[in-house]
Amino acid sequence: MNPALATVWLTLAIQLKTLAEQHSEEFQRRQGLTRGLYESARMMLFKNVRE
């Protein structure tokens, strides 16, 4: 992985953690929504195959 890209990802991860700590209730609510979107997209990717 490109070192500059790794630095960007690390910075984003730190910012997300800080944001989650500041707004923990909202973060928890949206985490469930985000997980649902992720799982739906995954299902569509793997189950939407022509036979």
C-alpha atoms as a PDB file:
ATOM      1  CA  MET A   1       0.000   0.000   0.000  1.00  0.00           C
ATOM      2  CA  ASN A   2       1.151   3.494  -0.792  1.00  0.00           C
ATOM      3  CA  PRO A   3       2.532   5.130   2.419  1.00  0.00           C
ATOM      4  CA  ALA A   4       0.700   8.386   1.681  1.00  0.00           C
ATOM      5  CA  LEU A   5      -2.571   6.506   1.281  1.00  0.00           C
ATOM      6  CA  ALA A   6      -1.962   4.622   4.516  1.00  0.00           C
ATOM      7  CA  THR A   7      -1.438   7.951   6.286  1.00  0.00           C
ATOM      8  CA  VAL A   8      -4.724   9.275   4.908  1.00  0.00           C
ATOM      9  CA  TRP A   9      -6.591   6.145   6.061  1.00  0.00           C
ATOM     10  CA  LEU A  10      -5.051   6.395   9.520  1.00  0.00           C
ATOM     11  CA  THR A  11      -6.007  10.066   9.779  1.00  0.00           C
ATOM     12  CA  LEU A  12      -9.581   9.278   8.730  1.00  0.00           C
ATOM     13  CA  ALA A  13      -9.807   6.442  11.248  1.00  0.00           C
ATOM     14  CA  ILE A  14      -8.649   8.737  14.058  1.00  0.00           C
ATOM     15  CA  GLN A  15     -11.128  11.431  13.040  1.00  0.00           C
ATOM     16  CA  LEU A  16     -13.960   8.888  12.905  1.00  0.00           C
ATOM     17  CA  LYS A  17     -13.110   7.609  16.369  1.00  0.00           C
ATOM     18  CA  THR A  18     -13.061  11.163  17.722  1.00  0.00           C
ATOM     19  CA  LEU A  19     -16.383  11.936  16.062  1.00  0.00           C
ATOM     20  CA  ALA A  20     -17.883   8.720  17.427  1.00  0.00           C
ATOM     21  CA  GLU A  21     -16.786   9.668  20.945  1.00  0.00           C
ATOM     22  CA  GLN A  22     -18.264  13.164  20.639  1.00  0.00           C
ATOM     23  CA  HIS A  23     -21.623  11.985  19.267  1.00  0.00           C
ATOM     24  CA  SER A  24     -21.882   8.435  20.583  1.00  0.00           C
ATOM     25  CA  GLU A  25     -25.694   8.213  20.543  1.00  0.00           C
ATOM     26  CA  GLU A  26     -25.995   9.369  16.940  1.00  0.00           C
ATOM     27  CA  PHE A  27     -23.030   7.206  15.930  1.00  0.00           C
ATOM     28  CA  GLN A  28     -24.704   4.092  17.357  1.00  0.00           C
ATOM     29  CA  ARG A  29     -27.954   4.878  15.530  1.00  0.00           C
ATOM     30  CA  ARG A  30     -26.235   5.405  12.210  1.00  0.00           C
ATOM     31  CA  GLN A  31     -23.942   2.431  12.620  1.00  0.00           C
ATOM     32  CA  GLY A  32     -26.937   0.112  12.367  1.00  0.00           C
ATOM     33  CA  LEU A  33     -28.180   1.904   9.254  1.00  0.00           C
ATOM     34  CA  THR A  34     -24.736   1.751   7.677  1.00  0.00           C
ATOM     35  CA  ARG A  35     -24.416  -1.955   8.435  1.00  0.00           C
ATOM     36  CA  GLY A  36     -27.802  -2.576   6.817  1.00  0.00           C
ATOM     37  CA  LEU A  37     -26.765  -0.727   3.653  1.00  0.00           C
ATOM     38  CA  TYR A  38     -23.507  -2.662   3.552  1.00  0.00           C
ATOM     39  CA  GLU A  39     -25.221  -6.027   3.956  1.00  0.00           C
ATOM     40  CA  SER A  40     -27.844  -5.127   1.315  1.00  0.00           C
ATOM     41  CA  ALA A  41     -25.149  -4.151  -1.177  1.00  0.00           C
ATOM     42  CA  ARG A  42     -23.261  -7.368  -0.447  1.00  0.00           C
ATOM     43  CA  MET A  43     -26.359  -9.466  -0.968  1.00  0.00           C
ATOM     44  CA  MET A  44     -27.109  -7.720  -4.251  1.00  0.00           C
ATOM     45  CA  LEU A  45     -23.547  -8.304  -5.421  1.00  0.00           C
ATOM     46  CA  PHE A  46     -23.565 -12.030  -4.729  1.00  0.00           C
ATOM     47  CA  LYS A  47     -27.234 -12.966  -5.182  1.00  0.00           C
ATOM     48  CA  ASN A  48     -27.958 -10.883  -8.282  1.00  0.00           C
ATOM     49  CA  VAL A  49     -26.264 -13.324 -10.649  1.00  0.00           C
ATOM     50  CA  ARG A  50     -27.914 -14.725 -13.740  1.00  0.00           C
ATOM     51  CA  GLU A  51     -28.062 -18.468 -13.832  1.00  0.00           C
END
